[in-house]
Amino acid sequence: MRGPAPSIAIKTSPVLSRPFDLGAIPPTLVKREVAPRRTKIWEFNTNLHCSIIGTCLSTAELRQVLRKFGMAPAGSGDHELHGIAVGLAGRHADAARQLHKALDHRHKLAVSQFAKASTEDAVRALWRDAVRRGDIPGAYWAVLTHPLTSQEIVREAFGEVHMLSHLIGSANRADIRRLCQLEAEKATLEAKLGRQQQALHDAVVTRDEQIRQLRQALTERIVSAAGTDVPTDETALQGLIADAGRRLAVETRRRIALQERLSAMQAERDGERAGRVAAERIGAALRQEVDAIEASLAAPPESAPALRLDGMVLLYVGGRPNQVAHMRAMVEQLGAEFLHHDGGVENHQNLLPGLVSRCDSALFPVDCISHDAANIVKASCRQAAKRFVPLRSASVTSLLAALQAPALARIAEAAE
């Protein structure tokens, strides 16, 4: 039997100054049937269901739940399934209960952490700490369903998730624009290189033809002068030879100049080719890191082997100290053990061989590690037949992209 819904006063919160309209959300965001206990998904205001489904469940998990009720026809798109799930979440029926169960199973670690909070301020502190660490999906579901979550905390969490979706969309658009710019620059460089190669080819062909014509003219003139009835003295013949020598010297200098120009053009071509390869490498890294960001907001099911590292030990060498805690939490959430060495700043480099012997794979950012530490890690891994992975940068997204690599997944399977 349902009891009366608890009345909760709405306070003014700094989050309401965010650039989106929270006035469209009715004052009562949560209507619990029995209090106090964790809120069910059908007890939330319908304005919250879109953000819950879109943030806390992946499309694969959502499709799996809807397929059980025959609501995921073949060929249906992600947006269509999202709309169906949002409509079902507000009905107190089997489908909504299954969605709630899937959310609890997916984020059981975050729900367990938030369950330790015994006051409203403690719940708010856990939520803000999760936002600071970027651990949004699980914390969002845990804070919304916590028994002590007030209307003000619900509004604050909804505002943070709403603005985060805008920030991620803006970052993706910037990466796509940069990739398009790099591809346009690549096409321009290839066209320029083709024109330069054609110009050099034409110049070499013209030079060889001129030399051939000069040699032929010189031969004909000498033969003509020697075969005429008019006597030719030695002085005239020497003058003819000297003139031919001057012409030959001019053409020789021109040939040398053309060869130097050809060498310079080839060097420029090689530099542009290397720049194009570097641009393609950066573009590929950007794609991987964007995929890693999206995967961190909506991770695939735990049964997917490519995203589980159970039983694996990872060693991270170097990097920035303020990111180590976030990386450790992210790696441990995937089931792996996280070892860290700062590369010799405070930890002695003699500890590296021992750490390498304990790990299954070693990772280090090439832009934030000393040459000595990197060489020690490489040598120790080769000696112990362990895999080492150089990362493009010390960012968390580079680590995310490396963790999703198929080679690392195979090592994790072997560790199990």
Protein backbone atom coordinates (compact mmCIF):
# COMPACT_ATOMS: atom_id res chain seq x y z
CA MET A 1 0.00 0.00 0.00
CA ARG A 2 1.46 3.29 -1.00
CA GLY A 3 1.92 6.00 1.62
CA PRO A 4 1.77 9.74 1.03
CA ALA A 5 4.71 11.22 -0.86
CA PRO A 6 7.16 13.07 1.43
CA SER A 7 7.15 16.78 0.95
CA ILE A 8 10.65 18.21 0.45
CA ALA A 9 11.33 21.94 0.48
CA ILE A 10 13.30 23.30 -2.50
CA LYS A 11 16.28 25.53 -1.62
CA THR A 12 18.14 27.88 -3.90
CA SER A 13 21.33 26.18 -5.10
CA PRO A 14 24.39 27.65 -6.95
CA VAL A 15 23.93 24.90 -9.56
CA LEU A 16 20.78 26.68 -10.77
CA SER A 17 23.00 29.37 -12.32
CA ARG A 18 24.11 26.85 -14.99
CA PRO A 19 23.18 27.82 -18.57
CA PHE A 20 20.22 25.44 -18.89
CA ASP A 21 16.58 25.74 -17.83
CA LEU A 22 15.94 23.80 -14.63
CA GLY A 23 12.64 25.60 -14.28
CA ALA A 24 11.21 23.11 -16.77
CA ILE A 25 11.64 20.37 -14.13
CA PRO A 26 8.71 20.21 -11.68
CA PRO A 27 9.53 20.89 -7.98
CA THR A 28 8.92 17.25 -6.97
CA LEU A 29 11.74 15.28 -8.61
CA VAL A 30 11.45 12.12 -6.49
CA LYS A 31 8.28 10.53 -5.16
CA ARG A 32 9.11 7.56 -2.96
CA GLU A 33 6.37 5.07 -2.17
CA VAL A 34 7.97 4.13 1.17
CA ALA A 35 10.60 6.11 3.05
CA PRO A 36 13.35 5.89 3.90
CA ARG A 37 14.80 3.51 1.30
CA ARG A 38 16.55 3.68 -2.09
CA THR A 39 14.45 5.29 -4.79
CA LYS A 40 13.10 3.13 -7.63
CA ILE A 41 13.46 4.32 -11.20
CA TRP A 42 9.70 4.68 -11.71
CA GLU A 43 9.54 7.01 -8.68
CA PHE A 44 11.65 9.68 -10.41
CA ASN A 45 10.07 12.54 -12.28
CA THR A 46 9.92 11.73 -16.01
CA ASN A 47 12.31 14.62 -16.73
CA LEU A 48 15.13 12.62 -15.10
CA HIS A 49 14.63 9.33 -16.99
CA CYS A 50 16.39 10.55 -20.17
CA SER A 51 19.61 11.48 -18.33
CA ILE A 52 19.56 8.26 -16.25
CA ILE A 53 19.12 5.92 -19.23
CA GLY A 54 21.55 7.84 -21.46
CA THR A 55 24.30 8.22 -18.84
CA CYS A 56 24.14 5.06 -16.73
CA LEU A 57 23.40 2.31 -19.30
CA SER A 58 25.31 1.45 -22.46
CA THR A 59 23.43 0.83 -25.69
CA ALA A 60 24.36 -2.88 -25.55
CA GLU A 61 22.94 -3.26 -22.02
CA LEU A 62 19.83 -1.33 -22.99
CA ARG A 63 19.26 -3.51 -26.07
CA GLN A 64 19.68 -6.65 -23.94
CA VAL A 65 17.03 -5.53 -21.43
CA LEU A 66 14.53 -4.50 -24.11
CA ARG A 67 15.07 -7.73 -26.05
CA LYS A 68 13.71 -9.69 -23.07
CA PHE A 69 10.38 -7.92 -23.50
CA GLY A 70 10.36 -8.08 -27.32
CA MET A 71 10.86 -4.31 -27.63
CA ALA A 72 14.17 -4.28 -29.57
CA PRO A 73 13.29 -5.14 -33.18
CA ALA A 74 16.12 -5.92 -35.60
CA GLY A 75 17.46 -2.82 -37.30
CA SER A 76 16.29 -0.43 -34.58
CA GLY A 77 18.70 2.45 -33.89
CA ASP A 78 20.23 3.48 -30.57
CA HIS A 79 18.08 6.63 -30.40
CA GLU A 80 14.89 4.62 -30.95
CA LEU A 81 15.80 2.16 -28.17
CA HIS A 82 16.66 5.06 -25.87
CA GLY A 83 13.21 6.58 -26.43
CA ILE A 84 11.47 3.26 -25.71
CA ALA A 85 13.43 2.78 -22.47
CA VAL A 86 12.71 6.33 -21.27
CA GLY A 87 8.99 5.72 -21.80
CA LEU A 88 9.10 2.40 -19.91
CA ALA A 89 11.11 3.78 -16.97
CA GLY A 90 8.18 5.82 -15.66
CA ARG A 91 5.74 2.86 -15.48
CA HIS A 92 5.66 0.63 -12.40
CA ALA A 93 5.85 -2.57 -14.44
CA ASP A 94 8.17 -5.50 -15.19
CA ALA A 95 10.17 -3.54 -17.78
CA ALA A 96 10.92 -0.72 -15.33
CA ARG A 97 11.87 -3.22 -12.62
CA GLN A 98 14.25 -4.93 -15.07
CA LEU A 99 15.83 -1.57 -15.98
CA HIS A 100 16.30 -0.80 -12.27
CA LYS A 101 17.87 -4.24 -11.71
CA ALA A 102 20.27 -3.74 -14.66
CA LEU A 103 21.32 -0.34 -13.33
CA ASP A 104 21.94 -1.73 -9.84
CA HIS A 105 23.97 -4.63 -11.24
CA ARG A 106 26.03 -2.39 -13.52
CA HIS A 107 26.87 0.11 -10.76
CA LYS A 108 26.85 -2.10 -7.66
CA LEU A 109 30.31 -0.83 -6.61
CA ALA A 110 29.21 2.83 -6.64
CA VAL A 111 25.91 1.99 -4.90
CA SER A 112 27.86 0.16 -2.19
CA GLN A 113 30.21 3.12 -1.70
CA PHE A 114 27.35 5.62 -1.44
CA ALA A 115 25.46 3.33 0.98
CA LYS A 116 28.09 4.15 3.62
CA ALA A 117 26.97 7.81 3.66
CA SER A 118 24.75 8.45 6.70
CA THR A 119 24.01 12.17 6.18
CA GLU A 120 22.87 14.38 3.33
CA ASP A 121 26.19 16.28 3.43
CA ALA A 122 28.11 13.00 3.13
CA VAL A 123 26.05 12.03 0.05
CA ARG A 124 26.77 15.44 -1.53
CA ALA A 125 30.50 15.12 -0.75
CA LEU A 126 30.69 11.68 -2.41
CA TRP A 127 28.93 13.01 -5.52
CA ARG A 128 31.24 16.02 -5.85
CA ASP A 129 34.30 13.81 -5.37
CA ALA A 130 33.06 11.51 -8.18
CA VAL A 131 32.55 14.54 -10.47
CA ARG A 132 36.08 15.73 -9.73
CA ARG A 133 37.46 12.28 -10.63
CA GLY A 134 35.31 11.97 -13.75
CA ASP A 135 33.55 8.82 -12.45
CA ILE A 136 30.07 9.97 -13.49
CA PRO A 137 27.76 7.04 -14.56
CA GLY A 138 27.89 4.93 -11.40
CA ALA A 139 27.93 7.91 -9.04
CA TYR A 140 24.96 9.50 -10.81
CA TRP A 141 22.79 6.40 -10.33
CA ALA A 142 24.00 5.92 -6.74
CA VAL A 143 23.35 9.53 -5.66
CA LEU A 144 19.89 9.71 -7.27
CA THR A 145 18.69 6.50 -5.58
CA HIS A 146 20.24 7.11 -2.14
CA PRO A 147 17.61 7.29 0.66
CA LEU A 148 19.05 10.57 2.00
CA THR A 149 19.25 12.36 -1.35
CA SER A 150 17.23 15.59 -1.22
CA GLN A 151 15.60 17.53 -4.03
CA GLU A 152 18.56 19.96 -3.95
CA ILE A 153 21.11 17.16 -4.47
CA VAL A 154 19.02 15.72 -7.31
CA ARG A 155 18.98 19.11 -9.02
CA GLU A 156 22.72 19.56 -8.52
CA ALA A 157 23.54 16.10 -9.94
CA PHE A 158 21.18 16.59 -12.90
CA GLY A 159 22.82 19.95 -13.64
CA GLU A 160 26.33 18.50 -13.57
CA VAL A 161 25.39 15.66 -15.95
CA HIS A 162 23.53 18.04 -18.26
CA MET A 163 26.54 20.37 -18.58
CA LEU A 164 28.96 17.44 -18.94
CA SER A 165 27.03 16.21 -21.99
CA HIS A 166 27.51 19.65 -23.58
CA LEU A 167 31.25 19.66 -22.78
CA ILE A 168 31.78 16.19 -24.25
CA GLY A 169 29.85 17.12 -27.39
CA SER A 170 31.95 20.25 -27.79
CA ALA A 171 35.20 18.28 -27.36
CA ASN A 172 34.11 15.72 -29.96
CA ARG A 173 33.26 18.44 -32.44
CA ALA A 174 36.68 20.07 -31.89
CA ASP A 175 38.46 16.74 -32.47
CA ILE A 176 36.47 16.14 -35.66
CA ARG A 177 37.29 19.62 -36.96
CA ARG A 178 40.98 19.08 -36.21
CA LEU A 179 40.94 15.71 -38.00
CA CYS A 180 39.28 17.25 -41.07
CA GLN A 181 41.88 20.02 -41.03
CA LEU A 182 44.73 17.49 -40.90
CA GLU A 183 43.25 15.53 -43.79
CA ALA A 184 42.93 18.72 -45.87
CA GLU A 185 46.55 19.65 -45.07
CA LYS A 186 47.64 16.14 -46.09
CA ALA A 187 45.89 16.47 -49.47
CA THR A 188 47.47 19.90 -50.03
CA LEU A 189 50.97 18.58 -49.23
CA GLU A 190 50.54 15.61 -51.55
CA ALA A 191 49.43 17.89 -54.40
CA LYS A 192 52.39 20.22 -53.80
CA LEU A 193 54.82 17.30 -53.71
CA GLY A 194 53.44 15.99 -57.01
CA ARG A 195 53.89 19.38 -58.68
CA GLN A 196 57.46 19.67 -57.41
CA GLN A 197 58.38 16.18 -58.59
CA GLN A 198 56.95 16.91 -62.04
CA ALA A 199 58.86 20.21 -62.24
CA LEU A 200 62.13 18.51 -61.29
CA HIS A 201 61.53 15.75 -63.84
CA ASP A 202 60.90 18.31 -66.59
CA ALA A 203 64.03 20.25 -65.62
CA VAL A 204 66.23 17.12 -65.75
CA VAL A 205 64.80 16.10 -69.14
CA THR A 206 65.39 19.62 -70.55
CA ARG A 207 68.96 19.67 -69.20
CA ASP A 208 69.84 16.30 -70.74
CA GLU A 209 68.36 17.34 -74.09
CA GLN A 210 70.37 20.59 -74.12
CA ILE A 211 73.60 18.74 -73.30
CA ARG A 212 72.91 16.25 -76.09
CA GLN A 213 72.27 19.06 -78.59
CA LEU A 214 75.44 20.92 -77.56
CA ARG A 215 77.55 17.82 -77.91
CA GLN A 216 76.06 17.12 -81.31
CA ALA A 217 76.63 20.74 -82.44
CA LEU A 218 80.24 20.63 -81.22
CA THR A 219 80.89 17.37 -83.04
CA GLU A 220 79.38 18.69 -86.29
CA ARG A 221 81.36 21.92 -86.11
CA ILE A 222 84.65 20.17 -85.51
CA VAL A 223 83.99 17.71 -88.32
CA SER A 224 82.90 20.55 -90.63
CA ALA A 225 85.97 22.62 -89.84
CA ALA A 226 88.29 19.66 -90.36
CA GLY A 227 86.73 18.62 -93.66
CA THR A 228 86.62 22.02 -95.41
CA ASP A 229 89.09 23.03 -98.12
CA VAL A 230 89.74 26.31 -96.31
CA PRO A 231 92.84 25.86 -94.23
CA THR A 232 92.25 26.11 -90.45
CA ASP A 233 95.15 27.05 -88.29
CA GLU A 234 95.75 25.68 -84.84
CA THR A 235 94.66 28.94 -83.16
CA ALA A 236 91.17 28.80 -84.66
CA LEU A 237 90.76 25.19 -83.67
CA GLN A 238 91.87 25.96 -80.13
CA GLY A 239 89.35 28.80 -79.96
CA LEU A 240 86.58 26.45 -81.05
CA ILE A 241 87.59 23.94 -78.41
CA ALA A 242 87.76 26.68 -75.74
CA ASP A 243 84.28 27.90 -76.67
CA ALA A 244 82.93 24.37 -76.42
CA GLY A 245 84.68 24.01 -73.06
CA ARG A 246 83.03 27.20 -71.76
CA ARG A 247 79.65 25.99 -72.87
CA LEU A 248 80.29 22.64 -71.23
CA ALA A 249 81.36 24.34 -67.98
CA VAL A 250 78.17 26.45 -67.96
CA GLU A 251 76.03 23.37 -68.44
CA THR A 252 78.03 21.51 -65.81
CA ARG A 253 77.41 24.28 -63.26
CA ARG A 254 73.77 24.33 -64.22
CA ARG A 255 73.59 20.57 -63.78
CA ILE A 256 75.18 20.83 -60.33
CA ALA A 257 72.71 23.58 -59.36
CA LEU A 258 69.81 21.45 -60.54
CA GLN A 259 71.11 18.47 -58.59
CA GLU A 260 71.38 20.60 -55.42
CA ARG A 261 67.87 21.89 -56.00
CA LEU A 262 66.66 18.33 -56.55
CA SER A 263 68.28 17.23 -53.28
CA ALA A 264 66.64 20.15 -51.44
CA MET A 265 63.26 19.31 -52.95
CA GLN A 266 63.66 15.66 -51.97
CA ALA A 267 64.54 16.67 -48.42
CA GLU A 268 61.48 18.94 -48.31
CA ARG A 269 59.36 16.12 -49.70
CA ASP A 270 60.65 13.72 -47.04
CA GLY A 271 59.90 16.29 -44.33
CA GLU A 272 56.37 16.82 -45.62
CA ARG A 273 55.86 13.07 -45.86
CA ALA A 274 57.01 12.66 -42.26
CA GLY A 275 54.65 15.47 -41.23
CA ARG A 276 51.78 13.73 -42.98
CA VAL A 277 52.56 10.44 -41.23
CA ALA A 278 52.74 12.26 -37.89
CA ALA A 279 49.40 13.96 -38.63
CA GLU A 280 47.80 10.60 -39.43
CA ARG A 281 49.21 9.14 -36.21
CA ILE A 282 47.82 12.06 -34.19
CA GLY A 283 44.46 11.68 -35.91
CA ALA A 284 44.33 7.96 -35.04
CA ALA A 285 45.31 8.71 -31.42
CA LEU A 286 42.58 11.36 -31.20
CA ARG A 287 40.00 8.87 -32.46
CA GLN A 288 41.09 6.29 -29.87
CA GLU A 289 41.01 8.83 -27.05
CA VAL A 290 37.55 10.10 -28.04
CA ASP A 291 36.34 6.46 -28.07
CA ALA A 292 37.92 6.01 -24.62
CA ILE A 293 36.09 9.07 -23.25
CA GLU A 294 32.77 7.78 -24.58
CA ALA A 295 33.46 4.31 -23.18
CA SER A 296 34.21 5.75 -19.72
CA LEU A 297 30.74 7.35 -19.64
CA ALA A 298 28.86 4.25 -20.84
CA ALA A 299 31.00 1.11 -20.32
CA PRO A 300 30.03 -2.21 -22.04
CA PRO A 301 28.75 -5.17 -19.95
CA GLU A 302 31.07 -6.87 -17.48
CA SER A 303 30.87 -10.04 -19.55
CA ALA A 304 32.68 -8.37 -22.45
CA PRO A 305 36.29 -9.71 -22.26
CA ALA A 306 37.82 -6.74 -24.03
CA LEU A 307 36.96 -4.45 -21.10
CA ARG A 308 37.81 -6.74 -18.15
CA LEU A 309 41.36 -7.09 -16.83
CA ASP A 310 40.63 -9.47 -13.93
CA GLY A 311 43.75 -10.89 -12.34
CA MET A 312 46.11 -8.61 -14.31
CA VAL A 313 48.84 -6.45 -12.73
CA LEU A 314 49.67 -3.17 -14.51
CA LEU A 315 52.75 -1.03 -13.82
CA TYR A 316 52.52 2.68 -14.68
CA VAL A 317 55.87 4.54 -14.69
CA GLY A 318 56.12 8.35 -14.76
CA GLY A 319 53.14 10.62 -15.36
CA ARG A 320 51.73 13.44 -13.25
CA PRO A 321 51.27 12.83 -9.50
CA ASN A 322 47.81 14.46 -9.38
CA GLN A 323 46.42 11.89 -11.84
CA VAL A 324 47.72 8.72 -10.18
CA ALA A 325 44.72 8.28 -7.84
CA HIS A 326 42.25 8.64 -10.71
CA MET A 327 44.19 6.14 -12.85
CA ARG A 328 44.40 3.68 -9.95
CA ALA A 329 40.63 3.82 -9.38
CA MET A 330 39.94 3.39 -13.09
CA VAL A 331 42.27 0.35 -13.44
CA GLU A 332 41.02 -1.30 -10.25
CA GLN A 333 37.42 -0.83 -11.40
CA LEU A 334 38.31 -3.05 -14.39
CA GLY A 335 39.55 -5.76 -12.01
CA ALA A 336 43.32 -5.20 -12.36
CA GLU A 337 45.99 -4.33 -9.77
CA PHE A 338 47.69 -0.94 -10.28
CA LEU A 339 51.41 -0.41 -9.48
CA HIS A 340 53.02 3.01 -9.86
CA HIS A 341 56.59 4.34 -9.99
CA ASP A 342 57.24 8.06 -10.53
CA GLY A 343 60.26 7.40 -12.77
CA GLY A 344 62.93 8.44 -10.26
CA VAL A 345 61.60 11.72 -8.82
CA GLU A 346 60.97 10.30 -5.33
CA ASN A 347 61.08 6.54 -6.00
CA HIS A 348 64.56 5.17 -6.70
CA GLN A 349 65.08 3.77 -10.20
CA ASN A 350 66.61 0.59 -8.75
CA LEU A 351 63.07 -0.43 -7.74
CA LEU A 352 61.93 -0.64 -11.37
CA PRO A 353 63.26 -4.17 -12.20
CA GLY A 354 61.47 -5.59 -9.15
CA LEU A 355 58.19 -3.89 -10.08
CA VAL A 356 58.51 -5.15 -13.67
CA SER A 357 58.91 -8.73 -12.39
CA ARG A 358 55.58 -8.37 -10.49
CA CYS A 359 53.51 -6.95 -13.35
CA ASP A 360 51.97 -8.45 -16.48
CA SER A 361 52.40 -5.29 -18.56
CA ALA A 362 54.19 -1.93 -18.08
CA LEU A 363 52.94 1.42 -19.42
CA PHE A 364 54.67 4.81 -19.50
CA PRO A 365 53.87 8.21 -21.11
CA VAL A 366 56.64 9.27 -23.49
CA ASP A 367 56.09 12.97 -22.69
CA CYS A 368 56.38 12.66 -18.91
CA ILE A 369 59.23 10.22 -18.08
CA SER A 370 63.01 10.47 -18.02
CA HIS A 371 65.11 8.73 -20.67
CA ASP A 372 66.86 6.65 -18.00
CA ALA A 373 63.59 5.39 -16.51
CA ALA A 374 62.15 4.58 -19.94
CA ASN A 375 65.30 2.63 -20.92
CA ILE A 376 65.25 0.68 -17.63
CA VAL A 377 61.58 -0.26 -18.13
CA LYS A 378 62.21 -1.41 -21.72
CA ALA A 379 65.31 -3.43 -20.80
CA SER A 380 63.63 -5.03 -17.77
CA CYS A 381 60.52 -5.97 -19.78
CA ARG A 382 62.61 -7.52 -22.57
CA GLN A 383 64.65 -9.48 -20.05
CA ALA A 384 61.50 -10.74 -18.25
CA ALA A 385 59.56 -11.28 -21.52
CA LYS A 386 56.93 -8.75 -20.41
CA ARG A 387 54.99 -6.36 -22.64
CA PHE A 388 55.62 -2.60 -22.36
CA VAL A 389 53.29 0.03 -23.88
CA PRO A 390 54.55 3.58 -24.59
CA LEU A 391 51.63 6.04 -24.25
CA ARG A 392 51.26 9.15 -26.43
CA SER A 393 50.85 11.45 -23.42
CA ALA A 394 50.37 11.45 -19.65
CA SER A 395 46.62 12.10 -20.02
CA VAL A 396 44.00 9.76 -18.58
CA THR A 397 42.48 9.36 -22.04
CA SER A 398 45.74 7.88 -23.39
CA LEU A 399 45.67 5.29 -20.61
CA LEU A 400 41.99 4.55 -21.34
CA ALA A 401 42.79 3.95 -25.02
CA ALA A 402 45.66 1.59 -24.10
CA LEU A 403 43.48 -0.38 -21.68
CA GLN A 404 40.98 -1.04 -24.48
CA ALA A 405 43.65 -2.39 -26.87
CA PRO A 406 43.10 -6.03 -27.96
CA ALA A 407 46.71 -6.98 -27.11
CA LEU A 408 46.22 -5.95 -23.48
CA ALA A 409 43.00 -7.94 -23.32
CA ARG A 410 44.86 -11.08 -24.48
CA ILE A 411 47.40 -10.58 -21.69
CA ALA A 412 44.51 -10.28 -19.20
CA GLU A 413 43.04 -13.55 -20.44
CA ALA A 414 46.42 -15.24 -19.98
CA ALA A 415 46.66 -13.80 -16.43
CA GLU A 416 43.33 -15.39 -15.52
